[in-house]
Structure formats: structure tokens, C-alpha cells
Amino acid sequence: MEKLREAHLILYLFDVNELSQAELENDILKLPKDKYILQIGNKIDRDENENYRSKFKLTQDSLFISSKENLYIDTLKNALVKSLHLPDVQIHDTVVTNIRHVHALQNVKTSIENIQRGIEMGITTDLIASDIRHALHHMGEITGEITNDEILGNIFSKFCIGK
């Protein structure tokens, strides 16, 4: 139950041949109310008369599949993607899937914003250098390279930062 409370999405998978509508409703009532619950009826391939269609009341949060026969798996995949409320991803977009990399990139962004503010405010270069070091360190967390003062010296030798 603790993991259910932590989840953003709950997949409730059930056998359409073994469970009744009343049992399904009873089980759903036991789940956290503030979570999105996708009800997935499985093993429709074993129900030759397709009784599951009349046996279970369909809601927008339920669908039927056969994992064995690979029936409606694409519908399930689409429902999962839709539940994430993600913007459309184009073929040329960069997608970061590692949470550690996401955090590192957020830290890089913060450091770059601090650098930009420092330059606009006329902060001394040694203080700006500290923010540059932070940005480079966080980039190194992604690339596996931890930067050193040589790189920082190289940056200052090639760019004129206001006085």
C-alpha cells in the first residue's frame, strides 16, 4: 500500500475470466483515490464469446488486452503515454531519461543563470568563475569528466567578461 501511495499511476491488471464486476469495483475502492488508475482486463483471447464486453462496465480508464496473443497492446501503450501528459516528442528532440542527468542539467541551468546575472550586475570575474566551475562540475556528472582549472583558464583566455 505504501508503494501505491507513492505511485503516480496504478495499473490494475485483472483476468476477465476470473474476476466479476463486483470484485473489480471492490478492489478499485481499496486503492488510493487521488491516483490515476488504469484498469486492464487481460486474457480476452480465452473468452471466445467476448462476454467480457458485457460483463464489465467500460470506463475511460479501462481497456481489454490479450498479452498472450498481443491483442490491443498498442492501445495499452498509447494509454500509458497519454497518462503521463507529456508534450509531443519529435524525432529530432533530445529526451533525457536518466533522473540523475535531469538533476545535473537543472543544476547547470541554475549555474548559467547565475553567471548571466553576475555578468549583467558587473560582479568580479573571480565570483563568476565560481559559478562557471559549478556548471562545469555538473556537466561532468553527465559526461563522466570532472573539469579542472585548465578548462576554466581556457574559457577566460578566449572570452572577455566585463570588468
C-alpha atoms as a PDB file:
ATOM      1  CA  MET A   1       0.000   0.000   0.000  1.00  0.00           C
ATOM      2  CA  GLU A   2       2.934   2.314   0.665  1.00  0.00           C
ATOM      3  CA  LYS A   3       4.175   1.877  -2.907  1.00  0.00           C
ATOM      4  CA  LEU A   4       0.667   2.549  -4.213  1.00  0.00           C
ATOM      5  CA  ARG A   5       0.608   5.851  -2.322  1.00  0.00           C
ATOM      6  CA  GLU A   6       3.983   6.788  -3.851  1.00  0.00           C
ATOM      7  CA  ALA A   7       2.929   5.879  -7.407  1.00  0.00           C
ATOM      8  CA  HIS A   8       1.808   8.415  -9.990  1.00  0.00           C
ATOM      9  CA  LEU A   9      -0.080   5.786 -11.969  1.00  0.00           C
ATOM     10  CA  ILE A  10      -1.608   2.475 -10.892  1.00  0.00           C
ATOM     11  CA  LEU A  11      -2.093  -0.314 -13.414  1.00  0.00           C
ATOM     12  CA  TYR A  12      -4.763  -2.701 -12.175  1.00  0.00           C
ATOM     13  CA  LEU A  13      -4.402  -5.844 -14.279  1.00  0.00           C
ATOM     14  CA  PHE A  14      -7.088  -8.498 -13.939  1.00  0.00           C
ATOM     15  CA  ASP A  15      -8.192 -11.721 -15.617  1.00  0.00           C
ATOM     16  CA  VAL A  16     -11.527 -11.145 -17.382  1.00  0.00           C
ATOM     17  CA  ASN A  17     -12.358 -14.829 -16.944  1.00  0.00           C
ATOM     18  CA  GLU A  18     -11.727 -14.978 -13.195  1.00  0.00           C
ATOM     19  CA  LEU A  19     -12.974 -11.661 -11.816  1.00  0.00           C
ATOM     20  CA  SER A  20     -16.513 -10.278 -11.578  1.00  0.00           C
ATOM     21  CA  GLN A  21     -17.595  -6.653 -11.969  1.00  0.00           C
ATOM     22  CA  ALA A  22     -18.413  -6.535  -8.227  1.00  0.00           C
ATOM     23  CA  GLU A  23     -14.948  -7.851  -7.299  1.00  0.00           C
ATOM     24  CA  LEU A  24     -13.341  -5.341  -9.642  1.00  0.00           C
ATOM     25  CA  GLU A  25     -15.271  -2.434  -8.116  1.00  0.00           C
ATOM     26  CA  ASN A  26     -14.437  -3.662  -4.592  1.00  0.00           C
ATOM     27  CA  ASP A  27     -10.714  -3.873  -5.410  1.00  0.00           C
ATOM     28  CA  ILE A  28     -10.690  -0.419  -7.028  1.00  0.00           C
ATOM     29  CA  LEU A  29     -12.330   1.075  -3.915  1.00  0.00           C
ATOM     30  CA  LYS A  30      -9.356  -0.136  -1.853  1.00  0.00           C
ATOM     31  CA  LEU A  31      -6.866   1.796  -3.986  1.00  0.00           C
ATOM     32  CA  PRO A  32      -5.808   5.398  -3.266  1.00  0.00           C
ATOM     33  CA  LYS A  33      -8.465   7.820  -4.531  1.00  0.00           C
ATOM     34  CA  ASP A  34      -6.058  10.537  -5.633  1.00  0.00           C
ATOM     35  CA  LYS A  35      -4.217   8.361  -8.186  1.00  0.00           C
ATOM     36  CA  TYR A  36      -4.893   7.696 -11.837  1.00  0.00           C
ATOM     37  CA  ILE A  37      -5.912   4.035 -12.073  1.00  0.00           C
ATOM     38  CA  LEU A  38      -5.855   2.265 -15.424  1.00  0.00           C
ATOM     39  CA  GLN A  39      -7.936  -0.922 -15.314  1.00  0.00           C
ATOM     40  CA  ILE A  40      -6.625  -3.558 -17.717  1.00  0.00           C
ATOM     41  CA  GLY A  41      -8.661  -6.674 -18.406  1.00  0.00           C
ATOM     42  CA  ASN A  42      -6.371  -9.424 -19.686  1.00  0.00           C
ATOM     43  CA  LYS A  43      -6.852 -12.838 -21.306  1.00  0.00           C
ATOM     44  CA  ILE A  44      -9.611 -11.801 -23.680  1.00  0.00           C
ATOM     45  CA  ASP A  45      -8.288 -14.475 -26.043  1.00  0.00           C
ATOM     46  CA  ARG A  46      -9.734 -17.140 -23.690  1.00  0.00           C
ATOM     47  CA  ASP A  47     -13.240 -15.639 -23.859  1.00  0.00           C
ATOM     48  CA  GLU A  48     -14.499 -16.904 -27.234  1.00  0.00           C
ATOM     49  CA  ASN A  49     -17.944 -15.285 -26.917  1.00  0.00           C
ATOM     50  CA  GLU A  50     -16.466 -11.956 -25.849  1.00  0.00           C
ATOM     51  CA  ASN A  51     -18.593 -11.994 -22.690  1.00  0.00           C
ATOM     52  CA  TYR A  52     -16.115  -9.614 -21.074  1.00  0.00           C
ATOM     53  CA  ARG A  53     -17.628  -6.736 -23.077  1.00  0.00           C
ATOM     54  CA  SER A  54     -20.974  -7.106 -21.311  1.00  0.00           C
ATOM     55  CA  LYS A  55     -19.551  -8.443 -18.036  1.00  0.00           C
ATOM     56  CA  PHE A  56     -17.520  -5.306 -17.253  1.00  0.00           C
ATOM     57  CA  LYS A  57     -18.668  -1.719 -17.400  1.00  0.00           C
ATOM     58  CA  LEU A  58     -16.186   0.160 -19.517  1.00  0.00           C
ATOM     59  CA  THR A  59     -14.873   3.446 -18.251  1.00  0.00           C
ATOM     60  CA  GLN A  60     -12.399   5.801 -19.895  1.00  0.00           C
ATOM     61  CA  ASP A  61      -9.805   4.309 -17.546  1.00  0.00           C
ATOM     62  CA  SER A  62     -10.252   0.696 -18.602  1.00  0.00           C
ATOM     63  CA  LEU A  63      -9.265  -1.387 -21.570  1.00  0.00           C
ATOM     64  CA  PHE A  64      -9.014  -5.026 -22.565  1.00  0.00           C
ATOM     65  CA  ILE A  65      -5.982  -6.867 -23.911  1.00  0.00           C
ATOM     66  CA  SER A  66      -4.518 -10.281 -24.509  1.00  0.00           C
ATOM     67  CA  SER A  67      -0.874 -10.301 -23.585  1.00  0.00           C
ATOM     68  CA  LYS A  68      -0.512 -13.862 -24.886  1.00  0.00           C
ATOM     69  CA  GLU A  69      -1.916 -13.025 -28.328  1.00  0.00           C
ATOM     70  CA  ASN A  70      -0.539  -9.457 -28.316  1.00  0.00           C
ATOM     71  CA  LEU A  71      -4.038  -8.005 -28.803  1.00  0.00           C
ATOM     72  CA  TYR A  72      -4.551  -4.291 -28.123  1.00  0.00           C
ATOM     73  CA  ILE A  73      -1.071  -3.875 -26.659  1.00  0.00           C
ATOM     74  CA  ASP A  74      -0.628  -0.725 -28.756  1.00  0.00           C
ATOM     75  CA  THR A  75      -3.806   0.639 -27.177  1.00  0.00           C
ATOM     76  CA  LEU A  76      -2.286  -0.031 -23.758  1.00  0.00           C
ATOM     77  CA  LYS A  77       0.973   1.674 -24.750  1.00  0.00           C
ATOM     78  CA  ASN A  78      -0.936   4.715 -26.006  1.00  0.00           C
ATOM     79  CA  ALA A  79      -2.955   4.880 -22.778  1.00  0.00           C
ATOM     80  CA  LEU A  80       0.256   4.772 -20.742  1.00  0.00           C
ATOM     81  CA  VAL A  81       1.864   7.555 -22.753  1.00  0.00           C
ATOM     82  CA  LYS A  82      -1.339   9.633 -22.584  1.00  0.00           C
ATOM     83  CA  SER A  83      -1.476   9.230 -18.790  1.00  0.00           C
ATOM     84  CA  LEU A  84       1.926  10.931 -18.499  1.00  0.00           C
ATOM     85  CA  HIS A  85       0.599  14.178 -20.031  1.00  0.00           C
ATOM     86  CA  LEU A  86       3.836  14.689 -21.947  1.00  0.00           C
ATOM     87  CA  PRO A  87       4.226  17.120 -24.819  1.00  0.00           C
ATOM     88  CA  ASP A  88       4.639  15.566 -28.230  1.00  0.00           C
ATOM     89  CA  VAL A  89       8.213  14.470 -28.839  1.00  0.00           C
ATOM     90  CA  GLN A  90       9.628  14.970 -32.307  1.00  0.00           C
ATOM     91  CA  ILE A  91      12.233  12.717 -33.902  1.00  0.00           C
ATOM     92  CA  HIS A  92      14.998  15.335 -33.518  1.00  0.00           C
ATOM     93  CA  ASP A  93      14.198  16.190 -29.890  1.00  0.00           C
ATOM     94  CA  THR A  94      16.596  15.263 -27.126  1.00  0.00           C
ATOM     95  CA  VAL A  95      14.998  13.191 -24.394  1.00  0.00           C
ATOM     96  CA  VAL A  96      16.737  12.791 -21.046  1.00  0.00           C
ATOM     97  CA  THR A  97      15.642   9.544 -19.388  1.00  0.00           C
ATOM     98  CA  ASN A  98      18.105   9.371 -16.513  1.00  0.00           C
ATOM     99  CA  ILE A  99      16.862  11.251 -13.436  1.00  0.00           C
ATOM    100  CA  ARG A 100      20.448  11.905 -12.313  1.00  0.00           C
ATOM    101  CA  HIS A 101      21.119  13.617 -15.646  1.00  0.00           C
ATOM    102  CA  VAL A 102      17.921  15.664 -15.318  1.00  0.00           C
ATOM    103  CA  HIS A 103      19.062  16.948 -11.917  1.00  0.00           C
ATOM    104  CA  ALA A 104      22.544  17.687 -13.244  1.00  0.00           C
ATOM    105  CA  LEU A 105      21.104  19.633 -16.192  1.00  0.00           C
ATOM    106  CA  GLN A 106      18.854  21.608 -13.849  1.00  0.00           C
ATOM    107  CA  ASN A 107      21.940  22.491 -11.783  1.00  0.00           C
ATOM    108  CA  VAL A 108      23.814  23.510 -14.949  1.00  0.00           C
ATOM    109  CA  LYS A 109      20.910  25.764 -15.927  1.00  0.00           C
ATOM    110  CA  THR A 110      20.895  27.390 -12.493  1.00  0.00           C
ATOM    111  CA  SER A 111      24.657  27.976 -12.681  1.00  0.00           C
ATOM    112  CA  ILE A 112      24.389  29.504 -16.149  1.00  0.00           C
ATOM    113  CA  GLU A 113      21.599  31.800 -14.959  1.00  0.00           C
ATOM    114  CA  ASN A 114      23.823  32.858 -12.048  1.00  0.00           C
ATOM    115  CA  ILE A 115      26.685  33.522 -14.475  1.00  0.00           C
ATOM    116  CA  GLN A 116      24.439  35.629 -16.687  1.00  0.00           C
ATOM    117  CA  ARG A 117      23.123  37.631 -13.713  1.00  0.00           C
ATOM    118  CA  GLY A 118      26.654  38.120 -12.438  1.00  0.00           C
ATOM    119  CA  ILE A 119      27.839  39.466 -15.787  1.00  0.00           C
ATOM    120  CA  GLU A 120      24.823  41.804 -16.019  1.00  0.00           C
ATOM    121  CA  MET A 121      25.454  43.081 -12.475  1.00  0.00           C
ATOM    122  CA  GLY A 122      29.174  43.576 -13.079  1.00  0.00           C
ATOM    123  CA  ILE A 123      30.263  41.005 -10.481  1.00  0.00           C
ATOM    124  CA  THR A 124      34.013  40.354 -10.381  1.00  0.00           C
ATOM    125  CA  THR A 125      35.313  37.591 -12.598  1.00  0.00           C
ATOM    126  CA  ASP A 126      36.571  35.502  -9.690  1.00  0.00           C
ATOM    127  CA  LEU A 127      32.986  35.184  -8.374  1.00  0.00           C
ATOM    128  CA  ILE A 128      31.677  34.426 -11.856  1.00  0.00           C
ATOM    129  CA  ALA A 129      34.431  31.804 -12.155  1.00  0.00           C
ATOM    130  CA  SER A 130      32.915  30.011  -9.184  1.00  0.00           C
ATOM    131  CA  ASP A 131      29.579  29.680 -10.995  1.00  0.00           C
ATOM    132  CA  ILE A 132      31.388  28.508 -14.125  1.00  0.00           C
ATOM    133  CA  ARG A 133      33.150  25.843 -12.040  1.00  0.00           C
ATOM    134  CA  HIS A 134      29.766  24.702 -10.712  1.00  0.00           C
ATOM    135  CA  ALA A 135      28.308  24.500 -14.226  1.00  0.00           C
ATOM    136  CA  LEU A 136      31.304  22.528 -15.483  1.00  0.00           C
ATOM    137  CA  HIS A 137      31.191  20.205 -12.478  1.00  0.00           C
ATOM    138  CA  HIS A 138      27.513  19.399 -13.110  1.00  0.00           C
ATOM    139  CA  MET A 139      28.199  18.818 -16.812  1.00  0.00           C
ATOM    140  CA  GLY A 140      30.988  16.473 -15.731  1.00  0.00           C
ATOM    141  CA  GLU A 141      28.424  14.474 -13.764  1.00  0.00           C
ATOM    142  CA  ILE A 142      26.775  13.643 -17.074  1.00  0.00           C
ATOM    143  CA  THR A 143      29.824  13.181 -19.285  1.00  0.00           C
ATOM    144  CA  GLY A 144      31.896  11.417 -16.662  1.00  0.00           C
ATOM    145  CA  GLU A 145      34.536  14.132 -16.821  1.00  0.00           C
ATOM    146  CA  ILE A 146      35.173  16.369 -13.857  1.00  0.00           C
ATOM    147  CA  THR A 147      36.622  19.643 -15.065  1.00  0.00           C
ATOM    148  CA  ASN A 148      39.678  21.387 -13.694  1.00  0.00           C
ATOM    149  CA  ASP A 149      41.145  24.883 -13.589  1.00  0.00           C
ATOM    150  CA  GLU A 150      42.763  24.445 -17.023  1.00  0.00           C
ATOM    151  CA  ILE A 151      39.353  24.472 -18.675  1.00  0.00           C
ATOM    152  CA  LEU A 152      38.312  27.493 -16.646  1.00  0.00           C
ATOM    153  CA  GLY A 153      41.535  29.281 -17.601  1.00  0.00           C
ATOM    154  CA  ASN A 154      40.849  28.438 -21.230  1.00  0.00           C
ATOM    155  CA  ILE A 155      37.382  29.959 -21.006  1.00  0.00           C
ATOM    156  CA  PHE A 156      38.715  33.208 -19.518  1.00  0.00           C
ATOM    157  CA  SER A 157      41.529  33.437 -22.070  1.00  0.00           C
ATOM    158  CA  LYS A 158      39.105  33.258 -25.011  1.00  0.00           C
ATOM    159  CA  PHE A 159      36.214  35.357 -23.725  1.00  0.00           C
ATOM    160  CA  CYS A 160      36.208  38.879 -22.436  1.00  0.00           C
ATOM    161  CA  ILE A 161      33.995  39.105 -19.385  1.00  0.00           C
ATOM    162  CA  GLY A 162      33.149  42.677 -18.359  1.00  0.00           C
ATOM    163  CA  LYS A 163      35.005  44.465 -15.620  1.00  0.00           C
END
